[in-house]
């Protein structure tokens, strides 16, 4: 029987069960994933295969989280996987990448496999017998899946019946590729792109030495080659060729959300090193945490961004667990915002520790090297900008502006319930964005990639800010509402800056018309949102560092 659905099945654990899994991860940091071990793996570029396999063993069984119950797993949903992935990556993003690779490699089977394939391959994952890799990226194709070259030619018997496929090609940058017991590989068949399962040891399938990397050194990243690799027709995922791109696209919302979770964990880990350090480090007669220039420059903005990322990721995870949608654009927004924010947080964590930040034993320089990959794999930040701007531009035009106008109206409703969460500022940002999209469309500025990138950044911050404001408008504490106001103010500044770039950046637009439109936006209203921001940042720092206010 072939499953016709191409979405991840709905799932979700109760809070008690989820906390049990999280507690298991915390225990791993004291036994298998100690700080000493993690630093050694990073220093010596060791993929801790035995440790990863022990994490999959029946005694721990961390992979059971994402395997559907019917195939021996726990049936965890997006929210569960996000939380556990985040906690794992707080310990080590390299180990988190190895764990994520199993999820990613299993996804084509979860969304597109036949019942028999799920029983066989997901069953093997559930039993803890299999490391899995997702073999899609190629040396010349990168994120452009439509241009990959790996081929799968059908093999027929005397009656013309297809009995198998012969695969030829090369894959690059494959996480856990050198150690995987089986891989899900995307190859071109006569009917189109198709996923196949290829097992370790199959003649012609070579798993090469791992790459030497800037970061995530505790993970394995290897090229794979397929030379006349013959697989039986039963290994064609879904049983029907030509559905590979659809299967890949349908899980991007989920997989990119998980990369955002990985980045969030790393960004938070960096702050969890920098914050205690600032409490203990005495400079010029007092601890660094008492120096507001230090805290408000190097700590508070990143704490706010991590809170905003959390609000957005969790809102999308809840939707993935309750809606029959792939949410690809939302996954791109989560990944773009969180990975870039976490990268900046790790960079400033090094600065916050001064010379100690540059020393390996303190851990922040490792986090900085690790977290950069989240801006690259599963589609670079620039790929995400292309996706976000293109799809949201089309959605805005198709809906005649109601998409962002609805966001603005809902924020106004939230403001009526709580006027301290930056909702009106975010509503103004959403309406300004709507007008910018119309202006760019009318003046054919969407032909300029830089304009599209500027729109993508604006769209991303507006939608993340919407989630942040809504979260803070619910019963929330003072620091959370202050964080929402600070984020709204930073979003307003970004929208104003991007508006000036889009409107004034191209001389093909009549200067008088551009100036008139710019004045009509009343950007001074957005600028006014900065009022009180320093006071709010002081309040947040008082909370973070437990200072007497």
Protein backbone atom coordinates (compact mmCIF):
# COMPACT_ATOMS: atom_id res chain seq x y z
CA UNK A 1 0.00 0.00 0.00
CA UNK A 2 1.30 3.47 -0.90
CA UNK A 3 0.54 6.45 1.34
CA UNK A 4 -0.85 9.35 -0.68
CA UNK A 5 -0.18 12.03 1.94
CA UNK A 6 3.02 14.05 1.81
CA UNK A 7 2.78 15.85 5.15
CA UNK A 8 4.38 14.86 8.41
CA UNK A 9 1.69 13.13 10.48
CA UNK A 10 0.25 15.12 13.38
CA UNK A 11 1.66 14.24 16.74
CA UNK A 12 2.44 15.50 20.16
CA UNK A 13 3.38 14.37 23.63
CA UNK A 14 1.82 15.38 26.90
CA UNK A 15 3.92 17.79 28.91
CA UNK A 16 4.99 15.17 31.44
CA UNK A 17 6.33 12.82 28.75
CA UNK A 18 8.06 15.66 26.93
CA UNK A 19 9.73 16.79 30.14
CA UNK A 20 10.92 13.24 30.69
CA UNK A 21 12.72 13.38 27.32
CA UNK A 22 14.18 16.80 28.14
CA UNK A 23 15.39 15.46 31.50
CA UNK A 24 17.07 12.61 29.62
CA UNK A 25 18.96 15.14 27.50
CA UNK A 26 20.04 17.01 30.62
CA UNK A 27 21.32 13.75 32.09
CA UNK A 28 23.35 13.14 28.94
CA UNK A 29 25.27 16.36 29.62
CA UNK A 30 26.45 14.85 32.90
CA UNK A 31 27.42 11.44 31.53
CA UNK A 32 27.91 11.01 27.77
CA UNK A 33 28.02 14.63 26.65
CA UNK A 34 30.17 16.23 29.33
CA UNK A 35 31.83 19.58 28.69
CA UNK A 36 35.25 17.89 28.71
CA UNK A 37 34.18 15.32 26.11
CA UNK A 38 32.51 17.91 23.89
CA UNK A 39 35.62 20.13 23.88
CA UNK A 40 37.84 17.13 23.09
CA UNK A 41 35.67 16.07 20.15
CA UNK A 42 35.80 19.61 18.83
CA UNK A 43 39.56 19.94 19.29
CA UNK A 44 40.39 16.59 17.70
CA UNK A 45 37.59 16.63 15.10
CA UNK A 46 36.12 13.37 16.37
CA UNK A 47 32.71 12.09 15.36
CA UNK A 48 31.70 10.23 18.55
CA UNK A 49 29.98 7.36 16.75
CA UNK A 50 29.79 5.11 19.82
CA UNK A 51 28.20 7.89 21.88
CA UNK A 52 25.67 8.74 19.16
CA UNK A 53 24.73 5.08 18.84
CA UNK A 54 24.36 4.82 22.61
CA UNK A 55 21.94 7.76 22.46
CA UNK A 56 19.85 5.60 20.09
CA UNK A 57 20.07 2.47 22.24
CA UNK A 58 17.01 1.01 23.98
CA UNK A 59 18.32 2.40 27.30
CA UNK A 60 18.06 6.00 25.98
CA UNK A 61 16.23 5.90 22.64
CA UNK A 62 16.28 9.62 21.91
CA UNK A 63 15.34 8.99 18.27
CA UNK A 64 12.00 7.51 19.37
CA UNK A 65 10.83 11.08 19.80
CA UNK A 66 10.21 11.70 16.09
CA UNK A 67 9.22 8.19 14.98
CA UNK A 68 5.41 7.68 14.70
CA UNK A 69 3.97 5.43 17.41
CA UNK A 70 2.70 2.87 14.89
CA UNK A 71 6.32 2.15 13.91
CA UNK A 72 7.66 1.84 17.45
CA UNK A 73 8.31 5.49 18.31
CA UNK A 74 6.79 8.05 20.66
CA UNK A 75 5.00 10.07 17.99
CA UNK A 76 6.37 13.42 19.08
CA UNK A 77 5.20 16.50 17.22
CA UNK A 78 6.99 19.60 16.01
CA UNK A 79 6.82 21.27 19.43
CA UNK A 80 8.38 18.24 21.11
CA UNK A 81 11.15 17.87 18.53
CA UNK A 82 11.88 21.61 18.66
CA UNK A 83 12.29 21.59 22.43
CA UNK A 84 14.50 18.48 22.52
CA UNK A 85 16.60 19.66 19.56
CA UNK A 86 17.07 23.04 21.23
CA UNK A 87 18.21 21.44 24.49
CA UNK A 88 20.59 19.05 22.71
CA UNK A 89 22.20 21.91 20.80
CA UNK A 90 22.71 23.86 24.01
CA UNK A 91 25.13 21.08 24.92
CA UNK A 92 26.79 20.74 21.49
CA UNK A 93 25.56 21.78 18.10
CA UNK A 94 27.78 19.17 16.46
CA UNK A 95 26.09 16.36 18.37
CA UNK A 96 22.75 18.07 17.71
CA UNK A 97 23.54 17.98 13.99
CA UNK A 98 24.18 14.23 14.13
CA UNK A 99 20.83 13.73 15.89
CA UNK A 100 19.05 16.03 13.44
CA UNK A 101 20.58 14.12 10.49
CA UNK A 102 18.64 11.03 11.58
CA UNK A 103 15.39 13.00 11.59
CA UNK A 104 16.20 14.59 8.25
CA UNK A 105 17.19 11.31 6.62
CA UNK A 106 14.00 9.68 7.88
CA UNK A 107 11.71 12.46 6.66
CA UNK A 108 11.27 11.27 3.05
CA UNK A 109 10.13 7.91 4.45
CA UNK A 110 7.85 9.51 7.04
CA UNK A 111 6.07 11.75 4.51
CA UNK A 112 6.21 9.60 1.41
CA UNK A 113 7.02 5.99 2.18
CA UNK A 114 4.71 3.04 1.76
CA UNK A 115 3.46 1.22 4.84
CA UNK A 116 5.96 -1.58 4.19
CA UNK A 117 8.84 0.88 3.82
CA UNK A 118 7.91 2.67 7.02
CA UNK A 119 7.63 -0.62 8.85
CA UNK A 120 11.09 -1.66 7.67
CA UNK A 121 13.14 1.54 7.76
CA UNK A 122 11.45 3.52 10.53
CA UNK A 123 11.30 0.31 12.52
CA UNK A 124 15.07 -0.01 12.20
CA UNK A 125 15.49 3.59 13.35
CA UNK A 126 13.18 2.99 16.32
CA UNK A 127 15.14 -0.09 17.33
CA UNK A 128 18.31 2.02 17.48
CA UNK A 129 20.04 0.07 14.74
CA UNK A 130 20.50 2.81 12.20
CA UNK A 131 22.29 6.07 11.68
CA UNK A 132 20.60 7.79 8.74
CA UNK A 133 21.70 10.48 6.28
CA UNK A 134 19.82 12.70 3.85
CA UNK A 135 21.67 12.68 0.54
CA UNK A 136 20.37 15.54 -1.58
CA UNK A 137 23.00 18.30 -1.91
CA UNK A 138 25.48 18.02 -4.81
CA UNK A 139 28.82 19.74 -5.51
CA UNK A 140 27.42 21.99 -8.25
CA UNK A 141 23.77 22.19 -7.29
CA UNK A 142 23.81 23.37 -3.67
CA UNK A 143 20.32 24.46 -2.62
CA UNK A 144 19.02 24.39 -6.19
CA UNK A 145 17.42 20.96 -6.06
CA UNK A 146 16.12 21.29 -9.61
CA UNK A 147 19.65 21.20 -11.05
CA UNK A 148 20.99 18.05 -9.41
CA UNK A 149 22.60 15.45 -11.67
CA UNK A 150 22.50 12.11 -9.84
CA UNK A 151 20.60 9.66 -12.05
CA UNK A 152 18.62 6.52 -11.35
CA UNK A 153 18.08 4.46 -14.49
CA UNK A 154 15.40 1.77 -14.35
CA UNK A 155 16.39 -1.88 -14.68
CA UNK A 156 13.81 -4.14 -16.35
CA UNK A 157 13.35 -7.86 -16.69
CA UNK A 158 12.53 -9.72 -19.90
CA UNK A 159 8.87 -8.72 -19.69
CA UNK A 160 9.73 -5.02 -19.34
CA UNK A 161 8.80 -4.86 -15.68
CA UNK A 162 10.99 -2.54 -13.61
CA UNK A 163 12.82 -4.59 -10.99
CA UNK A 164 15.29 -2.00 -9.71
CA UNK A 165 17.32 1.12 -10.46
CA UNK A 166 20.98 1.82 -11.21
CA UNK A 167 22.15 4.99 -9.44
CA UNK A 168 25.12 7.12 -10.53
CA UNK A 169 26.22 10.45 -9.09
CA UNK A 170 27.89 12.36 -6.28
CA UNK A 171 26.50 14.01 -3.17
CA UNK A 172 28.32 16.62 -1.10
CA UNK A 173 28.14 18.00 2.47
CA UNK A 174 26.11 15.05 3.78
CA UNK A 175 25.72 15.10 7.57
CA UNK A 176 26.62 11.69 9.06
CA UNK A 177 27.21 10.53 5.48
CA UNK A 178 30.40 8.69 6.33
CA UNK A 179 28.77 6.60 9.06
CA UNK A 180 25.14 6.17 7.98
CA UNK A 181 23.72 2.66 7.88
CA UNK A 182 21.39 3.81 5.13
CA UNK A 183 20.79 7.04 3.23
CA UNK A 184 17.76 8.54 1.54
CA UNK A 185 19.16 9.76 -1.77
CA UNK A 186 17.46 11.99 -4.32
CA UNK A 187 18.08 10.90 -7.91
CA UNK A 188 16.66 11.75 -11.32
CA UNK A 189 14.45 9.07 -12.90
CA UNK A 190 12.72 9.35 -16.30
CA UNK A 191 9.61 10.52 -14.42
CA UNK A 192 11.49 13.12 -12.38
CA UNK A 193 13.30 13.46 -9.03
CA UNK A 194 12.80 10.43 -6.78
CA UNK A 195 13.99 9.35 -3.34
CA UNK A 196 15.61 5.95 -2.84
CA UNK A 197 16.98 4.12 0.18
CA UNK A 198 20.57 2.97 -0.28
CA UNK A 199 22.13 0.78 2.40
CA UNK A 200 25.69 0.87 3.63
CA UNK A 201 27.80 -1.78 1.91
CA UNK A 202 25.81 -1.79 -1.33
CA UNK A 203 28.34 -2.35 -4.17
CA UNK A 204 29.33 0.94 -5.79
CA UNK A 205 28.17 3.07 -2.84
CA UNK A 206 31.18 4.83 -1.27
CA UNK A 207 31.09 6.84 1.95
CA UNK A 208 34.17 9.04 1.96
CA UNK A 209 36.33 10.63 4.64
CA UNK A 210 34.76 13.48 6.58
CA UNK A 211 35.52 17.09 5.69
CA UNK A 212 37.71 19.23 7.94
CA UNK A 213 35.34 21.97 9.12
CA UNK A 214 35.31 25.41 10.71
CA UNK A 215 32.77 24.26 13.30
CA UNK A 216 30.39 21.44 14.30
CA UNK A 217 33.50 19.26 14.38
CA UNK A 218 31.74 16.63 16.47
CA UNK A 219 29.51 15.93 13.49
CA UNK A 220 30.52 14.08 10.34
CA UNK A 221 30.15 15.77 6.95
CA UNK A 222 31.12 13.53 4.04
CA UNK A 223 30.83 13.29 0.27
CA UNK A 224 29.10 10.20 -1.12
CA UNK A 225 29.54 8.62 -4.52
CA UNK A 226 27.24 6.22 -6.33
CA UNK A 227 28.80 4.20 -9.14
CA UNK A 228 26.38 1.77 -10.79
CA UNK A 229 24.67 1.26 -7.43
CA UNK A 230 21.80 -1.18 -7.96
CA UNK A 231 18.83 -0.99 -5.59
CA UNK A 232 15.64 -3.05 -5.80
CA UNK A 233 12.42 -1.34 -6.84
CA UNK A 234 11.20 -1.79 -3.24
CA UNK A 235 13.72 0.89 -2.24
CA UNK A 236 11.96 3.58 -4.29
CA UNK A 237 10.34 5.67 -1.56
CA UNK A 238 6.59 5.77 -2.04
CA UNK A 239 6.63 3.22 -4.86
CA UNK A 240 5.88 5.89 -7.50
CA UNK A 241 8.77 7.71 -9.22
CA UNK A 242 8.84 11.46 -9.80
CA UNK A 243 7.57 12.68 -6.40
CA UNK A 244 10.91 13.49 -4.79
CA UNK A 245 10.83 17.28 -5.06
CA UNK A 246 7.29 17.41 -3.71
CA UNK A 247 8.32 15.23 -0.78
CA UNK A 248 11.38 17.42 -0.12
CA UNK A 249 9.43 20.69 -0.34
CA UNK A 250 6.68 19.43 1.94
CA UNK A 251 9.05 19.00 4.88
CA UNK A 252 11.09 22.19 4.50
CA UNK A 253 8.79 24.03 6.91
CA UNK A 254 9.52 21.42 9.56
CA UNK A 255 13.22 20.85 8.89
CA UNK A 256 14.05 24.56 8.72
CA UNK A 257 12.15 25.09 11.96
CA UNK A 258 14.41 22.45 13.51
CA UNK A 259 17.50 24.32 12.26
CA UNK A 260 16.07 27.42 13.92
CA UNK A 261 15.74 25.35 17.11
CA UNK A 262 19.38 24.33 16.79
CA UNK A 263 20.47 27.95 16.39
CA UNK A 264 18.30 29.02 19.31
CA UNK A 265 19.91 26.43 21.56
CA UNK A 266 23.39 27.58 20.57
CA UNK A 267 22.54 31.27 21.00
CA UNK A 268 21.09 30.63 24.44
CA UNK A 269 24.13 28.55 25.40
CA UNK A 270 26.39 31.49 24.53
CA UNK A 271 24.34 33.82 26.75
CA UNK A 272 24.34 31.24 29.55
CA UNK A 273 28.13 31.53 29.58
CA UNK A 274 28.31 35.32 29.21
CA UNK A 275 25.69 36.22 31.83
CA UNK A 276 27.30 34.47 34.85
CA UNK A 277 30.71 35.71 33.71
CA UNK A 278 29.45 39.31 33.82
CA UNK A 279 28.24 38.77 37.39
CA UNK A 280 31.63 37.51 38.54
CA UNK A 281 34.09 39.58 36.52
CA UNK A 282 35.22 42.70 38.41
CA UNK A 283 36.37 45.64 36.32
CA UNK A 284 36.98 49.23 37.46
CA UNK A 285 35.70 48.63 40.94
CA UNK A 286 32.58 46.61 40.22
CA UNK A 287 31.12 43.64 38.33
CA UNK A 288 30.56 43.99 34.60
CA UNK A 289 26.86 43.34 35.06
CA UNK A 290 26.52 46.72 36.82
CA UNK A 291 27.85 48.57 33.79
CA UNK A 292 24.82 49.37 31.66
CA UNK A 293 26.79 50.17 28.54
CA UNK A 294 28.24 46.67 28.67
CA UNK A 295 24.98 44.86 29.44
CA UNK A 296 22.82 46.88 27.05
CA UNK A 297 25.26 46.44 24.16
CA UNK A 298 26.51 42.87 24.52
CA UNK A 299 23.79 40.97 26.37
CA UNK A 300 20.33 42.53 26.40
CA UNK A 301 19.72 42.83 22.61
CA UNK A 302 20.54 39.15 22.16
CA UNK A 303 18.41 38.08 25.13
CA UNK A 304 15.53 39.97 23.49
CA UNK A 305 16.17 38.33 20.12
CA UNK A 306 16.24 34.87 21.65
CA UNK A 307 12.90 35.60 23.34
CA UNK A 308 11.47 36.77 20.00
CA UNK A 309 12.82 33.69 18.21
CA UNK A 310 11.28 31.47 20.89
CA UNK A 311 7.87 33.13 20.50
CA UNK A 312 7.92 32.72 16.73
CA UNK A 313 9.28 29.16 16.62
CA UNK A 314 6.73 27.98 19.16
CA UNK A 315 3.86 29.63 17.30
CA UNK A 316 4.86 27.81 14.11
CA UNK A 317 5.47 24.51 15.91
CA UNK A 318 1.92 24.69 17.30
CA UNK A 319 0.59 25.28 13.80
CA UNK A 320 2.55 22.36 12.36
CA UNK A 321 1.07 20.15 15.05
CA UNK A 322 -2.51 21.26 14.35
CA UNK A 323 -2.75 22.22 10.67
CA UNK A 324 -2.42 20.23 7.45
CA UNK A 325 0.05 22.71 5.94
CA UNK A 326 3.75 22.55 5.19
CA UNK A 327 4.42 26.19 6.30
CA UNK A 328 7.53 26.41 4.12
CA UNK A 329 7.75 30.21 4.25
CA UNK A 330 7.29 30.22 8.01
CA UNK A 331 10.10 27.69 8.34
CA UNK A 332 12.31 29.97 6.26
CA UNK A 333 11.45 32.97 8.45
CA UNK A 334 12.26 31.02 11.61
CA UNK A 335 15.57 29.82 10.22
CA UNK A 336 16.64 33.18 8.78
CA UNK A 337 15.84 35.20 11.88
CA UNK A 338 17.08 32.76 14.51
CA UNK A 339 20.28 31.65 12.80
CA UNK A 340 21.41 35.21 12.08
CA UNK A 341 20.43 36.39 15.58
CA UNK A 342 22.18 33.46 17.27
CA UNK A 343 25.31 34.04 15.19
CA UNK A 344 25.43 37.64 16.39
CA UNK A 345 24.75 36.56 19.97
CA UNK A 346 27.68 34.14 19.91
CA UNK A 347 29.95 36.79 18.43
CA UNK A 348 29.10 39.29 21.17
CA UNK A 349 29.45 36.57 23.82
CA UNK A 350 33.11 36.31 22.82
CA UNK A 351 33.38 40.08 23.13
CA UNK A 352 31.62 39.99 26.50
CA UNK A 353 34.26 37.63 27.89
CA UNK A 354 37.14 39.63 26.44
CA UNK A 355 40.34 37.60 26.16
CA UNK A 356 38.72 34.64 27.88
CA UNK A 357 36.12 34.52 25.12
CA UNK A 358 38.90 33.78 22.65
CA UNK A 359 40.15 30.81 24.68
CA UNK A 360 38.78 27.38 23.87
CA UNK A 361 38.07 26.18 27.41
CA UNK A 362 35.38 28.81 28.01
CA UNK A 363 33.31 27.42 25.14
CA UNK A 364 31.94 30.56 23.49
CA UNK A 365 34.40 30.56 20.60
CA UNK A 366 33.30 26.98 19.85
CA UNK A 367 29.65 28.04 19.87
CA UNK A 368 30.50 30.88 17.48
CA UNK A 369 32.22 28.48 15.08
CA UNK A 370 29.38 25.97 15.40
CA UNK A 371 26.40 28.27 15.05
CA UNK A 372 27.54 29.76 11.75
CA UNK A 373 26.51 26.57 9.98
CA UNK A 374 22.87 27.26 10.82
CA UNK A 375 23.08 30.25 8.47
CA UNK A 376 24.22 27.87 5.72
CA UNK A 377 22.81 24.35 5.82
CA UNK A 378 19.21 23.54 4.90
CA UNK A 379 19.48 26.56 2.59
CA UNK A 380 21.65 29.64 3.15
CA UNK A 381 20.24 32.86 4.59
CA UNK A 382 20.17 34.26 1.07
CA UNK A 383 18.10 31.31 -0.14
CA UNK A 384 15.68 31.98 2.71
CA UNK A 385 15.50 35.65 1.75
CA UNK A 386 14.61 34.65 -1.81
CA UNK A 387 11.87 32.30 -0.60
CA UNK A 388 10.39 34.73 1.91
CA UNK A 389 10.31 37.79 -0.35
CA UNK A 390 8.99 35.95 -3.41
CA UNK A 391 6.19 34.09 -1.67
CA UNK A 392 5.12 36.93 0.61
CA UNK A 393 5.17 39.43 -2.28
CA UNK A 394 2.89 37.14 -4.28
CA UNK A 395 0.66 36.48 -1.27
CA UNK A 396 0.33 40.19 -0.57
CA UNK A 397 -0.61 40.96 -4.16
CA UNK A 398 -3.01 38.04 -4.39
CA UNK A 399 -4.74 39.00 -1.14
CA UNK A 400 -4.82 42.68 -2.12
CA UNK A 401 -2.89 43.57 1.00
CA UNK A 402 -5.14 41.78 3.46
CA UNK A 403 -2.37 39.43 4.63
CA UNK A 404 -0.36 42.08 6.48
CA UNK A 405 -3.42 44.25 7.14
CA UNK A 406 -4.97 41.34 9.05
CA UNK A 407 -1.79 41.07 11.12
CA UNK A 408 -2.04 44.79 11.89
CA UNK A 409 -5.70 44.53 12.90
CA UNK A 410 -5.06 41.55 15.16
CA UNK A 411 -2.22 43.43 16.82
CA UNK A 412 -4.57 46.35 17.47
CA UNK A 413 -6.94 43.93 19.20
CA UNK A 414 -4.07 42.69 21.34
CA UNK A 415 -3.22 46.30 22.21
CA UNK A 416 -6.75 46.79 23.52
CA UNK A 417 -6.07 43.97 25.99
CA UNK A 418 -2.47 44.93 26.80
CA UNK A 419 -1.01 48.31 25.84
CA UNK A 420 2.52 47.53 27.06
CA UNK A 421 3.67 44.92 24.50
CA UNK A 422 4.59 47.08 21.49
CA UNK A 423 1.51 45.95 19.55
CA UNK A 424 0.76 49.36 17.99
CA UNK A 425 4.35 49.75 16.84
CA UNK A 426 4.24 46.33 15.20
CA UNK A 427 0.88 47.16 13.58
CA UNK A 428 2.43 50.30 12.10
CA UNK A 429 5.38 48.22 10.83
CA UNK A 430 3.00 45.76 9.14
CA UNK A 431 1.09 48.53 7.37
CA UNK A 432 4.30 50.23 6.25
CA UNK A 433 5.50 46.89 4.88
CA UNK A 434 2.26 46.52 2.93
CA UNK A 435 2.82 49.86 1.24
CA UNK A 436 6.46 49.06 0.52
CA UNK A 437 5.46 45.85 -1.25
CA UNK A 438 2.96 47.76 -3.39
CA UNK A 439 5.55 50.43 -4.20
CA UNK A 440 8.20 47.86 -5.16
CA UNK A 441 5.68 46.00 -7.33
CA UNK A 442 4.34 49.10 -9.07
CA UNK A 443 7.84 50.37 -9.85
CA UNK A 444 9.15 46.95 -10.94
CA UNK A 445 11.74 46.97 -8.17
CA UNK A 446 11.15 43.29 -7.52
CA UNK A 447 13.60 42.66 -10.36
CA UNK A 448 16.39 43.80 -8.03
CA UNK A 449 17.59 41.06 -5.71
CA UNK A 450 18.82 43.59 -3.18
CA UNK A 451 15.32 45.04 -2.96
CA UNK A 452 13.90 41.56 -2.48
CA UNK A 453 16.42 40.89 0.27
CA UNK A 454 15.41 44.15 1.97
CA UNK A 455 11.76 43.16 1.74
CA UNK A 456 12.57 39.70 3.13
CA UNK A 457 14.32 41.19 6.16
CA UNK A 458 11.36 43.48 6.75
CA UNK A 459 8.82 40.66 6.34
CA UNK A 460 10.82 38.46 8.69
CA UNK A 461 11.04 41.03 11.46
CA UNK A 462 7.39 42.02 11.13
CA UNK A 463 6.20 38.41 11.44
CA UNK A 464 8.59 37.57 14.27
CA UNK A 465 7.62 40.82 16.01
CA UNK A 466 3.96 39.92 15.61
CA UNK A 467 4.54 36.64 17.44
CA UNK A 468 6.62 38.38 20.11
CA UNK A 469 3.98 41.06 20.74
CA UNK A 470 1.14 38.53 20.87
CA UNK A 471 3.09 36.36 23.31
CA UNK A 472 3.84 39.32 25.56
CA UNK A 473 0.26 40.58 25.36
CA UNK A 474 -0.89 37.36 27.03
CA UNK A 475 -0.50 37.31 30.80
CA UNK A 476 3.22 38.04 30.95
CA UNK A 477 5.79 39.47 33.33
CA UNK A 478 7.30 42.92 33.13
CA UNK A 479 10.63 41.85 31.56
CA UNK A 480 8.80 39.98 28.77
CA UNK A 481 6.68 43.04 27.94
CA UNK A 482 9.78 45.24 28.06
CA UNK A 483 11.50 42.80 25.67
CA UNK A 484 8.52 43.01 23.31
CA UNK A 485 8.73 46.81 23.32
CA UNK A 486 12.47 46.76 22.69
CA UNK A 487 12.03 44.31 19.83
CA UNK A 488 9.19 46.39 18.35
CA UNK A 489 11.39 49.47 18.47
CA UNK A 490 14.27 47.66 16.76
CA UNK A 491 11.83 46.37 14.15
CA UNK A 492 10.55 49.89 13.53
CA UNK A 493 14.11 51.13 12.96
CA UNK A 494 14.78 48.28 10.55
CA UNK A 495 11.56 48.92 8.62
CA UNK A 496 12.38 52.62 8.33
CA UNK A 497 15.92 51.91 7.12
CA UNK A 498 14.81 49.29 4.58
CA UNK A 499 12.07 51.64 3.36
CA UNK A 500 14.63 54.34 2.59
CA UNK A 501 16.83 51.83 0.77
CA UNK A 502 13.96 50.45 -1.33
CA UNK A 503 12.47 53.86 -2.21
CA UNK A 504 15.67 55.82 -2.78
CA UNK A 505 18.08 53.10 -3.85
CA UNK A 506 17.22 52.96 -7.56
CA UNK A 507 17.58 56.03 -9.76
CA UNK A 508 15.09 54.64 -12.26
CA UNK A 509 12.36 56.05 -10.00
CA UNK A 510 11.53 59.74 -10.38
CA UNK A 511 13.20 61.54 -7.47
CA UNK A 512 10.19 63.74 -6.71
CA UNK A 513 7.83 60.76 -6.72
CA UNK A 514 10.18 58.81 -4.46
CA UNK A 515 10.45 61.70 -1.99
CA UNK A 516 6.69 62.17 -1.98
CA UNK A 517 6.07 58.49 -1.25
CA UNK A 518 8.73 58.45 1.46
CA UNK A 519 7.11 61.41 3.19
CA UNK A 520 3.70 59.75 2.97
CA UNK A 521 4.98 56.80 5.02
CA UNK A 522 5.37 59.06 8.07
CA UNK A 523 8.46 57.21 9.22
CA UNK A 524 8.72 59.63 12.13
CA UNK A 525 5.92 57.61 13.71
CA UNK A 526 8.12 54.52 13.58
CA UNK A 527 11.10 56.48 14.85
CA UNK A 528 9.06 57.57 17.86
CA UNK A 529 8.79 53.95 18.97
CA UNK A 530 12.35 54.27 20.30
CA UNK A 531 11.08 56.46 23.13
CA UNK A 532 11.90 54.74 26.39
CA UNK A 533 13.95 51.95 24.84
CA UNK A 534 17.02 52.56 27.00
CA UNK A 535 14.87 52.47 30.12
CA UNK A 536 13.34 49.19 28.92
CA UNK A 537 16.78 47.74 28.30
CA UNK A 538 17.78 48.72 31.81
CA UNK A 539 14.71 46.92 33.17
CA UNK A 540 15.62 43.80 31.21
CA UNK A 541 19.22 43.93 32.44
CA UNK A 542 17.95 44.33 36.02
CA UNK A 543 15.97 41.12 35.51
CA UNK A 544 18.74 39.14 33.80
CA UNK A 545 21.42 40.06 36.32
CA UNK A 546 19.11 40.32 39.34
CA UNK A 547 20.20 43.92 39.88
CA UNK A 548 18.44 46.18 42.33
CA UNK A 549 16.30 48.47 40.19
